[in-house]
Amino acid sequence: VISRGIVGDKAGVLKIASPLYKHNFALETGKCLNNPDVVLAMYPVQVRADGMIQVKSTPTNQYSP
C-alpha cells in the first residue's frame, strides 16, 4: 500500500503518506510522524557501477505494527 503513497514534505522532513491509513512516514528513518509506535521496515539499497540495484534482504530498523 505504501508504494502508492504520496511523497512530500512535512515541517522540513521528506515523507510519504499512506493512502490507506493516512499515516505520514519519514523517508530517511521509516518512523511514523503521526504515531511514534508505528515504524516502516527500512532496507539498505545500493546502485552498483553496472547499474544494477541491490536491496539487502534484512531491514536496518525494527518493524513494529
N, C-alpha and C. Protein backbone atom coordinates (compact mmCIF):
# COMPACT_ATOMS: atom_id res chain seq x y z
N VAL A 1 0.82 -1.18 0.00
CA VAL A 1 0.00 0.00 0.00
C VAL A 1 0.87 1.26 0.00
N ILE A 2 1.98 1.24 0.74
CA ILE A 2 2.81 2.45 0.86
C ILE A 2 3.42 2.83 -0.49
N SER A 3 3.57 1.87 -1.40
CA SER A 3 4.12 2.19 -2.72
C SER A 3 3.21 3.13 -3.50
N ARG A 4 1.97 3.22 -3.13
CA ARG A 4 1.02 4.14 -3.76
C ARG A 4 0.89 5.44 -2.98
N GLY A 5 1.75 5.61 -1.97
CA GLY A 5 1.69 6.80 -1.13
C GLY A 5 2.14 8.06 -1.85
N ILE A 6 1.83 9.17 -1.24
CA ILE A 6 2.18 10.48 -1.80
C ILE A 6 3.43 10.99 -1.11
N VAL A 7 4.46 11.30 -1.89
CA VAL A 7 5.73 11.81 -1.36
C VAL A 7 5.61 13.31 -1.22
N GLY A 8 6.15 13.82 -0.12
CA GLY A 8 6.10 15.27 0.11
C GLY A 8 7.03 15.68 1.22
N ASP A 9 6.64 16.76 1.90
CA ASP A 9 7.46 17.36 2.94
C ASP A 9 6.54 17.74 4.09
N LYS A 10 6.99 17.44 5.31
CA LYS A 10 6.23 17.85 6.50
C LYS A 10 7.21 18.48 7.47
N ALA A 11 7.11 19.78 7.64
CA ALA A 11 7.99 20.54 8.55
C ALA A 11 9.46 20.30 8.23
N GLY A 12 9.81 20.24 6.94
CA GLY A 12 11.20 20.06 6.53
C GLY A 12 11.67 18.63 6.47
N VAL A 13 10.80 17.67 6.76
CA VAL A 13 11.16 16.25 6.73
C VAL A 13 10.54 15.63 5.48
N LEU A 14 11.37 14.97 4.63
CA LEU A 14 10.83 14.26 3.48
C LEU A 14 10.00 13.10 3.99
N LYS A 15 8.79 12.94 3.44
CA LYS A 15 7.88 11.93 3.96
C LYS A 15 7.07 11.30 2.85
N ILE A 16 6.46 10.17 3.20
CA ILE A 16 5.49 9.52 2.32
C ILE A 16 4.23 9.30 3.15
N ALA A 17 3.08 9.57 2.54
CA ALA A 17 1.81 9.41 3.23
C ALA A 17 1.13 8.13 2.77
N SER A 18 0.70 7.32 3.71
CA SER A 18 -0.02 6.09 3.39
C SER A 18 -1.42 6.44 2.90
N PRO A 19 -1.79 5.98 1.69
CA PRO A 19 -3.12 6.30 1.18
C PRO A 19 -4.24 5.57 1.93
N LEU A 20 -3.91 4.48 2.62
CA LEU A 20 -4.93 3.70 3.31
C LEU A 20 -5.17 4.19 4.74
N TYR A 21 -4.09 4.35 5.51
CA TYR A 21 -4.22 4.72 6.92
C TYR A 21 -3.97 6.20 7.19
N LYS A 22 -3.51 6.94 6.18
CA LYS A 22 -3.25 8.38 6.29
C LYS A 22 -2.11 8.71 7.26
N HIS A 23 -1.24 7.73 7.54
CA HIS A 23 -0.04 8.00 8.34
C HIS A 23 1.02 8.63 7.45
N ASN A 24 1.85 9.48 8.03
CA ASN A 24 3.00 10.07 7.33
C ASN A 24 4.27 9.44 7.89
N PHE A 25 5.15 8.96 7.00
CA PHE A 25 6.38 8.30 7.41
C PHE A 25 7.59 9.06 6.88
N ALA A 26 8.60 9.26 7.73
CA ALA A 26 9.84 9.90 7.31
C ALA A 26 10.56 8.95 6.36
N LEU A 27 10.97 9.45 5.20
CA LEU A 27 11.62 8.60 4.20
C LEU A 27 12.99 8.12 4.66
N GLU A 28 13.71 8.89 5.45
CA GLU A 28 15.07 8.50 5.86
C GLU A 28 15.09 7.49 6.99
N THR A 29 14.06 7.48 7.84
CA THR A 29 14.08 6.60 9.01
C THR A 29 12.98 5.57 9.06
N GLY A 30 11.88 5.81 8.35
CA GLY A 30 10.72 4.92 8.41
C GLY A 30 9.81 5.19 9.58
N LYS A 31 10.16 6.16 10.43
CA LYS A 31 9.34 6.47 11.61
C LYS A 31 8.07 7.19 11.19
N CYS A 32 6.99 6.84 11.86
CA CYS A 32 5.70 7.48 11.59
C CYS A 32 5.70 8.85 12.26
N LEU A 33 5.32 9.87 11.51
CA LEU A 33 5.30 11.23 12.04
C LEU A 33 4.02 11.51 12.82
N ASN A 34 3.02 10.62 12.73
CA ASN A 34 1.76 10.78 13.43
C ASN A 34 1.67 9.92 14.69
N ASN A 35 2.38 8.81 14.70
CA ASN A 35 2.29 7.86 15.81
C ASN A 35 3.66 7.23 16.03
N PRO A 36 4.35 7.58 17.12
CA PRO A 36 5.71 7.08 17.34
C PRO A 36 5.81 5.56 17.54
N ASP A 37 4.68 4.89 17.74
CA ASP A 37 4.69 3.44 17.93
C ASP A 37 4.69 2.67 16.61
N VAL A 38 4.56 3.38 15.48
CA VAL A 38 4.49 2.73 14.17
C VAL A 38 5.76 3.07 13.38
N VAL A 39 6.38 2.05 12.78
CA VAL A 39 7.62 2.23 12.01
C VAL A 39 7.55 1.35 10.76
N LEU A 40 7.98 1.89 9.62
CA LEU A 40 8.12 1.09 8.41
C LEU A 40 9.48 0.40 8.42
N ALA A 41 9.53 -0.82 7.96
CA ALA A 41 10.82 -1.50 7.81
C ALA A 41 11.62 -0.80 6.72
N MET A 42 12.91 -0.57 6.95
CA MET A 42 13.78 0.11 6.00
C MET A 42 14.86 -0.89 5.54
N TYR A 43 15.10 -0.95 4.24
CA TYR A 43 16.07 -1.88 3.68
C TYR A 43 17.17 -1.10 2.96
N PRO A 44 18.44 -1.40 3.26
CA PRO A 44 19.54 -0.72 2.57
C PRO A 44 19.51 -1.02 1.07
N VAL A 45 19.75 0.01 0.28
CA VAL A 45 19.75 -0.10 -1.18
C VAL A 45 21.05 0.46 -1.71
N GLN A 46 21.58 -0.17 -2.75
CA GLN A 46 22.83 0.27 -3.36
C GLN A 46 22.70 0.16 -4.87
N VAL A 47 23.12 1.20 -5.58
CA VAL A 47 23.17 1.15 -7.04
C VAL A 47 24.62 0.83 -7.41
N ARG A 48 24.82 -0.33 -8.05
CA ARG A 48 26.16 -0.76 -8.41
C ARG A 48 26.66 0.01 -9.62
N ALA A 49 27.97 -0.07 -9.88
CA ALA A 49 28.59 0.62 -11.01
C ALA A 49 28.01 0.15 -12.34
N ASP A 50 27.53 -1.11 -12.40
CA ASP A 50 26.96 -1.62 -13.65
C ASP A 50 25.48 -1.27 -13.80
N GLY A 51 24.94 -0.45 -12.87
CA GLY A 51 23.56 -0.01 -12.96
C GLY A 51 22.56 -0.91 -12.25
N MET A 52 23.01 -2.07 -11.77
CA MET A 52 22.12 -2.98 -11.05
C MET A 52 21.83 -2.40 -9.67
N ILE A 53 20.63 -2.65 -9.19
CA ILE A 53 20.23 -2.18 -7.86
C ILE A 53 20.20 -3.38 -6.92
N GLN A 54 20.86 -3.23 -5.78
CA GLN A 54 20.88 -4.29 -4.77
C GLN A 54 20.09 -3.81 -3.56
N VAL A 55 19.24 -4.71 -3.04
CA VAL A 55 18.46 -4.43 -1.84
C VAL A 55 18.78 -5.54 -0.84
N LYS A 56 19.24 -5.14 0.36
CA LYS A 56 19.55 -6.12 1.39
C LYS A 56 18.24 -6.75 1.88
N SER A 57 18.28 -8.05 2.15
CA SER A 57 17.05 -8.77 2.49
C SER A 57 16.62 -8.63 3.96
N THR A 58 17.44 -8.00 4.79
CA THR A 58 17.05 -7.78 6.18
C THR A 58 16.97 -6.27 6.45
N PRO A 59 15.94 -5.86 7.18
CA PRO A 59 15.78 -4.42 7.44
C PRO A 59 16.84 -3.89 8.38
N THR A 60 17.07 -2.58 8.30
CA THR A 60 18.05 -1.93 9.17
C THR A 60 17.43 -1.40 10.43
N ASN A 61 16.11 -1.44 10.53
CA ASN A 61 15.44 -0.97 11.74
C ASN A 61 14.42 -2.02 12.18
N GLN A 62 13.89 -1.84 13.34
CA GLN A 62 12.89 -2.77 13.85
C GLN A 62 11.51 -2.36 13.38
N TYR A 63 10.75 -3.31 12.90
CA TYR A 63 9.37 -3.05 12.49
C TYR A 63 8.47 -3.29 13.68
N SER A 64 7.59 -2.35 13.95
CA SER A 64 6.60 -2.58 15.00
C SER A 64 5.22 -2.26 14.43
N PRO A 65 4.30 -3.18 14.55
CA PRO A 65 2.96 -2.99 13.98
C PRO A 65 2.19 -1.87 14.66
